[in-house]
Amino acid sequence: MVEVVVVAASLMLLITLSTPGAESGNVSVSAAAANETVVVPSTFLETLLGPESGYDFRLRPNFEGKPVVVNCSMFLEYIGSIEETTMDYQLNIFLRQKWHDPRMTYELARPFLDLDNTIIGSIWKPDLFFGNEKTASFHRVTTDNMMLRVFHSGDVYFSIRLSLTLSCPMDLHNFPMDSQICRISLQSFGYTNDDLIVQWLDKSPVDFSDTLSLPQFELSRNVQFGDCSKNYVIGIFSCIEARFILRRQMGFYLIQLYIPSVLIVIISWVSFWIDMDVTPARVGLGITTVLTMTTQSTGSRSSMPKLSYINAMDVWMTTCLVFVFAAMLEFVLVLMTARKFKALAAQNLPIYPAPQDAEGERRLRLAQQIDNLARWLFPASFAVFNVLYWILFLVVLKSDV
């Protein structure tokens, strides 16, 4: 019994001696936990954008203060469907906007936060629109293609993916050896310069996709930037624009229009080597070449708007048609010269004496001389026209954009 009491007393003494050390350990753990900041996401968002934060997305940053500066940039993913008939072009872009909102500052270790796009409607955003827009659409597959990033300093970065159809007035005097400038303009809709200023980002305001290519145009990477601010009755509205330089490639038109038209003109000269007595062959060849040239000329204008001026393609096709038609008229002249007196003699009219053999031979020789003259005059004239045409439109009237 005494041994049991001694063991119990020893255990109580050990427990008493170990208690202070355990209590001091608990105190140190609690102190370490107190030094750590635990951030609950919902609580953070309520603190940043909630009713008690004082944030109101209906008011711009720096309300009643200096205007908000919105730095814009874009990434061109695709450019295509440049239409001369409607004078517009299509493109897919990532429009990026960055501005400073002091109400969005926060104190966390992370330099920025990427927020869900459902919060975009809860913050203030610039009211920019495209000044030369015809149609536009958002991308919503598989979700809304929008991105919102907030920096701890209060800078807000907003990116959105868009498909646009923009107007592009074209000068087609030199078509198809022309160069065009297509613009994209961004303008504030409801804020004047006193409240909002739009400007291009200083570094790389426009980036291009590595796979970007155009079938008929060569897109210059040297983008021109400018200011297009509008002065309306109620004030001056900030506006910026970027100008894309597009140089047309002639490969398609050489294969489809220029080379075939040259061959048709050359075929029309074959009639000069056909005997003048083979009338059906020469008439059939002349009519065929004229109709073919007319059809090709009409087809070349099918993809063009109804212009009130003459362009380079009109000059070429009209001149080729004139050469083909002139070849047919040459045969008519030869035929009339060779058979004029024979036809009068057949009528047996007293006022037209029958031609003598010497006169008939002279007429035949003259008709043959006309054919011989046409054999070198037509090719030489067409060669001179080609030299003048290409020098005029490729050198003298070349578009410098």
Protein backbone atom coordinates (compact mmCIF):
# COMPACT_ATOMS: atom_id res chain seq x y z
CA MET A 1 0.00 0.00 0.00
CA VAL A 2 2.84 2.36 0.81
CA GLU A 3 4.47 1.58 -2.57
CA VAL A 4 1.27 2.56 -4.45
CA VAL A 5 1.12 5.89 -2.61
CA VAL A 6 4.81 6.60 -3.45
CA VAL A 7 4.25 5.86 -7.20
CA ALA A 8 1.18 8.11 -7.32
CA ALA A 9 3.08 10.93 -5.64
CA SER A 10 5.93 10.59 -8.13
CA LEU A 11 3.57 10.82 -11.13
CA MET A 12 1.90 13.95 -9.77
CA LEU A 13 5.31 15.56 -9.29
CA LEU A 14 6.34 14.84 -12.91
CA ILE A 15 3.09 16.32 -14.30
CA THR A 16 3.56 19.47 -12.21
CA LEU A 17 7.14 19.93 -13.40
CA SER A 18 6.23 19.49 -17.13
CA THR A 19 3.21 21.93 -17.16
CA PRO A 20 5.11 25.32 -17.43
CA GLY A 21 7.10 24.17 -20.46
CA ALA A 22 3.95 23.05 -22.29
CA GLU A 23 2.18 26.30 -21.51
CA SER A 24 5.12 28.34 -22.85
CA GLY A 25 5.08 26.25 -26.08
CA ASN A 26 1.39 26.96 -26.63
CA VAL A 27 2.02 30.64 -26.16
CA SER A 28 4.78 30.65 -28.83
CA VAL A 29 2.57 28.80 -31.39
CA SER A 30 -0.29 31.20 -30.82
CA ALA A 31 2.03 34.15 -31.31
CA ALA A 32 3.32 32.74 -34.63
CA ALA A 33 -0.23 32.17 -35.85
CA ALA A 34 -1.19 35.69 -34.88
CA ASN A 35 1.65 37.07 -37.04
CA GLU A 36 0.25 35.39 -40.22
CA THR A 37 -2.42 37.22 -42.24
CA VAL A 38 -5.17 34.96 -43.45
CA VAL A 39 -7.05 36.45 -46.45
CA VAL A 40 -10.49 35.12 -47.30
CA PRO A 41 -11.20 35.81 -51.05
CA SER A 42 -14.83 36.80 -50.52
CA THR A 43 -13.88 39.13 -47.71
CA PHE A 44 -11.14 40.71 -49.85
CA LEU A 45 -13.53 41.39 -52.73
CA GLU A 46 -16.10 42.85 -50.35
CA THR A 47 -13.43 45.10 -48.94
CA LEU A 48 -12.32 46.16 -52.43
CA LEU A 49 -15.67 46.48 -54.24
CA GLY A 50 -18.37 45.95 -51.63
CA PRO A 51 -20.93 48.54 -50.46
CA GLU A 52 -18.83 49.50 -47.44
CA SER A 53 -15.74 50.15 -49.59
CA GLY A 54 -17.20 53.34 -51.03
CA TYR A 55 -16.51 52.14 -54.60
CA ASP A 56 -19.11 53.23 -57.15
CA PHE A 57 -18.60 51.97 -60.70
CA ARG A 58 -20.93 54.68 -61.98
CA LEU A 59 -18.28 57.31 -61.25
CA ARG A 60 -14.98 57.50 -63.08
CA PRO A 61 -11.69 57.45 -61.17
CA ASN A 62 -10.49 60.85 -59.94
CA PHE A 63 -14.03 62.17 -60.05
CA GLU A 64 -13.96 65.99 -60.25
CA GLY A 65 -10.19 65.70 -60.65
CA LYS A 66 -7.76 65.26 -63.51
CA PRO A 67 -8.96 63.18 -66.49
CA VAL A 68 -8.44 59.45 -66.63
CA VAL A 69 -5.69 58.43 -69.09
CA VAL A 70 -6.49 55.18 -70.90
CA ASN A 71 -3.52 53.51 -72.61
CA CYS A 72 -4.61 51.25 -75.44
CA SER A 73 -2.91 48.53 -77.41
CA MET A 74 -4.07 45.65 -79.56
CA PHE A 75 -2.98 42.28 -80.85
CA LEU A 76 -4.01 41.50 -84.42
CA GLU A 77 -4.90 37.86 -84.69
CA TYR A 78 -6.45 37.86 -88.16
CA ILE A 79 -7.10 40.25 -91.05
CA GLY A 80 -9.07 39.19 -94.09
CA SER A 81 -11.99 39.68 -96.44
CA ILE A 82 -10.84 43.03 -97.79
CA GLU A 83 -13.73 43.85 -100.10
CA GLU A 84 -13.49 46.49 -102.84
CA THR A 85 -17.23 46.37 -103.55
CA THR A 86 -18.26 47.30 -100.00
CA MET A 87 -14.96 48.99 -99.13
CA ASP A 88 -14.48 47.33 -95.77
CA TYR A 89 -12.29 44.71 -94.10
CA GLN A 90 -12.58 42.20 -91.28
CA LEU A 91 -10.22 41.51 -88.41
CA ASN A 92 -9.99 39.72 -85.08
CA ILE A 93 -8.18 41.58 -82.33
CA PHE A 94 -7.39 41.52 -78.64
CA LEU A 95 -8.16 45.05 -77.46
CA ARG A 96 -6.15 45.94 -74.36
CA GLN A 97 -6.89 48.90 -72.12
CA LYS A 98 -5.01 50.06 -69.05
CA TRP A 99 -5.86 52.89 -66.67
CA HIS A 100 -5.27 53.90 -63.06
CA ASP A 101 -8.04 53.73 -60.48
CA PRO A 102 -6.84 54.68 -56.98
CA ARG A 103 -9.94 53.07 -55.49
CA MET A 104 -8.62 49.65 -56.56
CA THR A 105 -5.41 49.72 -54.50
CA TYR A 106 -4.80 46.89 -52.05
CA GLU A 107 -2.09 45.60 -49.74
CA LEU A 108 -1.16 42.01 -50.44
CA ALA A 109 2.03 40.19 -51.25
CA ARG A 110 0.90 39.45 -54.82
CA PRO A 111 1.70 42.27 -57.29
CA PHE A 112 -1.51 41.71 -59.26
CA LEU A 113 -4.72 39.72 -59.17
CA ASP A 114 -6.49 38.11 -62.14
CA LEU A 115 -10.22 38.35 -61.43
CA ASP A 116 -13.10 36.45 -62.96
CA ASN A 117 -14.85 38.14 -65.87
CA THR A 118 -18.13 38.15 -63.93
CA ILE A 119 -16.68 41.01 -61.85
CA ILE A 120 -16.15 43.18 -64.96
CA GLY A 121 -19.65 44.58 -64.66
CA SER A 122 -18.90 45.75 -61.12
CA ILE A 123 -16.04 48.10 -61.99
CA TRP A 124 -15.77 51.30 -64.00
CA LYS A 125 -14.56 50.88 -67.60
CA PRO A 126 -13.83 53.34 -70.41
CA ASP A 127 -16.71 53.79 -72.87
CA LEU A 128 -14.66 53.38 -76.03
CA PHE A 129 -16.13 52.58 -79.44
CA PHE A 130 -14.73 52.05 -82.95
CA GLY A 131 -15.39 55.11 -85.08
CA ASN A 132 -15.33 53.28 -88.44
CA GLU A 133 -17.14 50.15 -87.30
CA LYS A 134 -19.80 48.52 -89.45
CA THR A 135 -20.41 45.39 -87.37
CA ALA A 136 -18.78 43.92 -84.27
CA SER A 137 -19.21 40.86 -82.08
CA PHE A 138 -17.82 39.40 -78.86
CA HIS A 139 -16.38 35.90 -78.57
CA ARG A 140 -18.23 33.78 -76.01
CA VAL A 141 -16.93 30.23 -76.67
CA THR A 142 -16.32 28.53 -74.38
CA THR A 143 -16.79 31.50 -72.09
CA ASP A 144 -16.67 35.27 -72.47
CA ASN A 145 -13.23 36.09 -73.89
CA MET A 146 -12.44 38.83 -71.39
CA MET A 147 -9.62 39.32 -68.93
CA LEU A 148 -9.41 41.62 -65.90
CA ARG A 149 -6.19 42.17 -63.97
CA VAL A 150 -5.87 44.53 -60.98
CA PHE A 151 -2.46 45.65 -59.73
CA HIS A 152 -1.81 46.54 -56.09
CA SER A 153 -0.96 50.11 -57.17
CA GLY A 154 -4.49 50.59 -58.54
CA ASP A 155 -3.68 50.03 -62.22
CA VAL A 156 -6.42 48.12 -64.04
CA TYR A 157 -5.73 46.02 -67.14
CA PHE A 158 -8.71 44.97 -69.26
CA SER A 159 -8.44 42.80 -72.39
CA ILE A 160 -11.23 41.64 -74.66
CA ARG A 161 -11.36 39.62 -77.91
CA LEU A 162 -13.43 41.10 -80.74
CA SER A 163 -14.38 40.43 -84.35
CA LEU A 164 -14.85 43.62 -86.35
CA THR A 165 -15.91 44.73 -89.79
CA LEU A 166 -14.52 48.21 -90.38
CA SER A 167 -15.01 50.60 -93.26
CA CYS A 168 -11.98 51.30 -95.44
CA PRO A 169 -12.48 53.94 -98.14
CA MET A 170 -10.25 53.02 -101.07
CA ASP A 171 -8.70 54.93 -103.94
CA LEU A 172 -8.83 52.51 -106.87
CA HIS A 173 -7.33 54.68 -109.62
CA ASN A 174 -4.28 52.37 -109.81
CA PHE A 175 -6.15 49.09 -109.31
CA PRO A 176 -4.74 46.40 -109.33
CA MET A 177 -1.35 48.05 -108.74
CA ASP A 178 -2.61 50.08 -105.81
CA SER A 179 -1.80 50.44 -102.13
CA GLN A 180 -4.49 51.12 -99.58
CA ILE A 181 -4.56 52.56 -96.07
CA CYS A 182 -7.17 50.98 -93.79
CA ARG A 183 -7.81 52.64 -90.44
CA ILE A 184 -9.06 51.59 -87.04
CA SER A 185 -10.13 54.36 -84.69
CA LEU A 186 -10.98 54.32 -80.98
CA GLN A 187 -13.02 57.12 -79.48
CA SER A 188 -14.68 57.94 -76.18
CA PHE A 189 -18.45 58.07 -76.48
CA GLY A 190 -19.64 59.85 -73.35
CA TYR A 191 -16.58 61.47 -71.76
CA THR A 192 -14.97 64.64 -73.11
CA ASN A 193 -11.27 65.45 -72.79
CA ASP A 194 -12.00 66.94 -69.38
CA ASP A 195 -12.82 63.44 -68.07
CA LEU A 196 -11.05 60.90 -70.27
CA ILE A 197 -8.05 60.91 -72.60
CA VAL A 198 -7.31 57.98 -74.90
CA GLN A 199 -3.77 57.36 -76.09
CA TRP A 200 -1.68 54.58 -77.57
CA LEU A 201 0.67 52.62 -75.37
CA ASP A 202 4.23 53.88 -75.69
CA LYS A 203 5.77 50.45 -76.31
CA SER A 204 4.41 48.12 -79.02
CA PRO A 205 0.88 49.53 -79.29
CA VAL A 206 0.06 47.07 -82.10
CA ASP A 207 1.35 43.50 -82.25
CA PHE A 208 0.82 41.02 -85.09
CA SER A 209 0.31 37.29 -84.98
CA ASP A 210 3.22 35.29 -86.40
CA THR A 211 0.79 33.40 -88.66
CA LEU A 212 -0.92 36.53 -89.99
CA SER A 213 -0.99 36.58 -93.80
CA LEU A 214 -3.22 37.97 -96.55
CA PRO A 215 -3.93 36.28 -99.92
CA GLN A 216 -4.01 39.44 -102.07
CA PHE A 217 -2.20 42.03 -99.98
CA GLU A 218 1.11 42.54 -98.30
CA LEU A 219 0.59 44.02 -94.84
CA SER A 220 3.30 46.42 -93.73
CA ARG A 221 4.38 46.04 -90.11
CA ASN A 222 5.09 49.77 -90.06
CA VAL A 223 1.82 50.95 -88.55
CA GLN A 224 1.09 54.67 -88.57
CA PHE A 225 -0.51 56.17 -85.46
CA GLY A 226 -2.39 59.41 -85.21
CA ASP A 227 -4.86 61.54 -83.27
CA CYS A 228 -8.41 61.93 -84.56
CA SER A 229 -10.04 63.85 -81.72
CA LYS A 230 -13.49 65.13 -82.62
CA ASN A 231 -14.79 68.58 -81.76
CA TYR A 232 -18.54 68.35 -81.33
CA VAL A 233 -21.02 70.90 -80.02
CA ILE A 234 -20.86 69.60 -76.45
CA GLY A 235 -17.07 69.33 -76.30
CA ILE A 236 -13.91 67.68 -77.60
CA PHE A 237 -13.82 63.88 -77.49
CA SER A 238 -10.53 62.02 -77.43
CA CYS A 239 -9.87 59.74 -80.40
CA ILE A 240 -6.88 57.75 -81.62
CA GLU A 241 -6.34 55.78 -84.81
CA ALA A 242 -3.96 53.27 -86.35
CA ARG A 243 -3.38 53.11 -90.10
CA PHE A 244 -2.49 49.80 -91.75
CA ILE A 245 -0.68 49.94 -95.11
CA LEU A 246 -1.82 47.25 -97.56
CA ARG A 247 0.00 46.72 -100.85
CA ARG A 248 -1.86 44.65 -103.40
CA GLN A 249 -0.16 41.61 -104.91
CA MET A 250 -0.65 41.30 -108.69
CA GLY A 251 -0.17 37.54 -109.04
CA PHE A 252 -3.89 36.75 -109.25
CA TYR A 253 -4.63 39.48 -111.78
CA LEU A 254 -1.65 38.60 -113.96
CA ILE A 255 -2.81 34.99 -114.24
CA GLN A 256 -6.54 35.61 -114.49
CA LEU A 257 -6.74 38.84 -116.51
CA TYR A 258 -3.54 40.27 -117.98
CA ILE A 259 -2.00 37.15 -119.54
CA PRO A 260 -5.32 35.80 -120.98
CA SER A 261 -6.16 39.20 -122.47
CA VAL A 262 -2.72 39.40 -124.11
CA LEU A 263 -3.23 35.94 -125.63
CA ILE A 264 -6.65 36.93 -126.96
CA VAL A 265 -5.18 40.01 -128.62
CA ILE A 266 -2.41 37.90 -130.18
CA ILE A 267 -4.94 35.35 -131.45
CA SER A 268 -6.83 38.15 -133.20
CA TRP A 269 -3.69 38.87 -135.25
CA VAL A 270 -3.80 35.36 -136.75
CA SER A 271 -6.43 36.64 -139.20
CA PHE A 272 -3.75 38.75 -140.91
CA TRP A 273 -2.10 35.52 -142.13
CA ILE A 274 -5.33 33.91 -143.34
CA ASP A 275 -6.09 34.39 -147.03
CA MET A 276 -8.61 37.14 -147.65
CA ASP A 277 -10.77 34.80 -149.70
CA VAL A 278 -11.39 32.57 -146.64
CA THR A 279 -14.05 34.90 -145.34
CA PRO A 280 -15.83 32.54 -142.87
CA ALA A 281 -12.58 31.77 -141.04
CA ARG A 282 -11.52 35.40 -140.63
CA VAL A 283 -15.01 36.60 -139.65
CA GLY A 284 -15.46 33.75 -137.18
CA LEU A 285 -12.08 34.42 -135.59
CA GLY A 286 -12.79 38.14 -135.32
CA ILE A 287 -16.21 37.72 -133.75
CA THR A 288 -14.94 35.06 -131.30
CA THR A 289 -12.07 37.22 -130.06
CA VAL A 290 -14.30 40.29 -129.69
CA LEU A 291 -16.91 38.37 -127.68
CA THR A 292 -14.26 36.69 -125.53
CA MET A 293 -12.62 40.02 -124.79
CA THR A 294 -15.99 41.59 -123.95
CA THR A 295 -16.81 38.75 -121.55
CA GLN A 296 -13.45 39.02 -119.83
CA SER A 297 -13.77 42.79 -119.52
CA THR A 298 -17.19 42.40 -117.91
CA GLY A 299 -15.89 39.75 -115.51
CA SER A 300 -13.03 41.98 -114.39
CA ARG A 301 -15.54 44.59 -113.23
CA SER A 302 -17.79 42.14 -111.37
CA SER A 303 -15.67 42.37 -108.20
CA MET A 304 -15.40 46.15 -108.35
CA PRO A 305 -17.73 48.87 -107.09
CA LYS A 306 -19.48 51.13 -109.58
CA LEU A 307 -16.75 53.73 -109.86
CA SER A 308 -17.23 57.17 -111.38
CA TYR A 309 -13.64 57.23 -112.63
CA ILE A 310 -11.41 55.08 -114.83
CA ASN A 311 -8.81 52.87 -113.18
CA ALA A 312 -5.79 51.01 -114.51
CA MET A 313 -7.75 47.84 -115.16
CA ASP A 314 -10.33 49.73 -117.24
CA VAL A 315 -7.55 51.24 -119.36
CA TRP A 316 -6.03 47.83 -120.01
CA MET A 317 -9.22 45.95 -120.81
CA THR A 318 -10.62 48.75 -122.98
CA THR A 319 -7.40 49.02 -124.98
CA CYS A 320 -7.26 45.25 -125.52
CA LEU A 321 -10.87 45.32 -126.71
CA VAL A 322 -10.03 48.14 -129.12
CA PHE A 323 -7.10 46.14 -130.55
CA VAL A 324 -9.29 43.07 -131.06
CA PHE A 325 -12.07 45.09 -132.64
CA ALA A 326 -9.57 46.93 -134.85
CA ALA A 327 -8.28 43.58 -136.14
CA MET A 328 -11.80 42.74 -137.23
CA LEU A 329 -12.27 46.12 -138.87
CA GLU A 330 -8.98 45.59 -140.73
CA PHE A 331 -10.47 42.53 -142.45
CA VAL A 332 -13.53 44.54 -143.41
CA LEU A 333 -11.24 47.13 -145.01
CA VAL A 334 -9.30 44.43 -146.85
CA LEU A 335 -12.49 42.80 -148.06
CA MET A 336 -13.95 46.07 -149.33
CA THR A 337 -10.73 46.99 -151.10
CA ALA A 338 -10.40 43.63 -152.88
CA ARG A 339 -14.04 43.19 -153.92
CA LYS A 340 -15.25 46.72 -154.52
CA PHE A 341 -15.05 46.77 -158.28
CA LYS A 342 -16.00 43.10 -158.61
CA ALA A 343 -19.27 43.80 -156.86
CA LEU A 344 -19.98 46.82 -159.08
CA ALA A 345 -19.26 44.85 -162.22
CA ALA A 346 -21.65 42.12 -161.11
CA GLN A 347 -24.45 44.68 -160.85
CA ASN A 348 -23.90 45.62 -164.55
CA LEU A 349 -24.78 49.25 -164.00
CA PRO A 350 -23.87 51.73 -166.75
CA ILE A 351 -22.64 54.41 -164.36
CA TYR A 352 -20.03 51.98 -162.93
CA PRO A 353 -17.90 50.64 -165.77
CA ALA A 354 -16.55 47.15 -165.32
CA PRO A 355 -13.02 47.20 -163.92
CA GLN A 356 -10.16 46.24 -166.15
CA ASP A 357 -7.88 43.37 -165.22
CA ALA A 358 -5.04 45.75 -164.33
CA GLU A 359 -7.30 47.68 -161.98
CA GLY A 360 -8.48 44.50 -160.29
CA GLU A 361 -4.94 43.31 -159.77
CA ARG A 362 -4.00 46.67 -158.28
CA ARG A 363 -6.86 46.42 -155.82
CA LEU A 364 -5.83 42.92 -154.81
CA ARG A 365 -2.24 44.03 -154.29
CA LEU A 366 -3.45 46.95 -152.16
CA ALA A 367 -5.55 44.60 -150.01
CA GLN A 368 -2.54 42.33 -149.55
CA GLN A 369 -0.40 45.31 -148.59
CA ILE A 370 -2.92 46.25 -145.91
CA ASP A 371 -2.63 42.75 -144.46
CA ASN A 372 1.17 42.93 -144.59
CA LEU A 373 1.16 46.31 -142.88
CA ALA A 374 -1.18 45.07 -140.13
CA ARG A 375 1.10 42.11 -139.41
CA TRP A 376 3.78 44.35 -137.91
CA LEU A 377 1.80 47.52 -137.13
CA PHE A 378 -0.58 45.85 -134.66
CA PRO A 379 2.14 44.03 -132.62
CA ALA A 380 4.36 47.14 -132.60
CA SER A 381 1.49 49.35 -131.43
CA PHE A 382 0.52 46.87 -128.72
CA ALA A 383 4.15 46.66 -127.54
CA VAL A 384 4.37 50.46 -127.32
CA PHE A 385 1.11 50.52 -125.36
CA ASN A 386 2.49 47.94 -122.91
CA VAL A 387 5.65 49.94 -122.30
CA LEU A 388 3.70 53.15 -121.67
CA TYR A 389 1.07 51.39 -119.55
CA TRP A 390 3.45 49.67 -117.14
CA ILE A 391 5.72 52.69 -116.79
CA LEU A 392 2.75 54.96 -116.13
CA PHE A 393 1.05 52.85 -113.45
CA LEU A 394 4.07 51.16 -111.86
CA VAL A 395 6.41 54.16 -111.77
CA VAL A 396 4.75 57.49 -112.50
CA LEU A 397 1.41 56.99 -110.75
CA LYS A 398 2.64 54.58 -108.08
CA SER A 399 0.90 55.13 -104.75
CA ASP A 400 3.26 56.35 -102.04
CA VAL A 401 1.63 55.53 -98.70
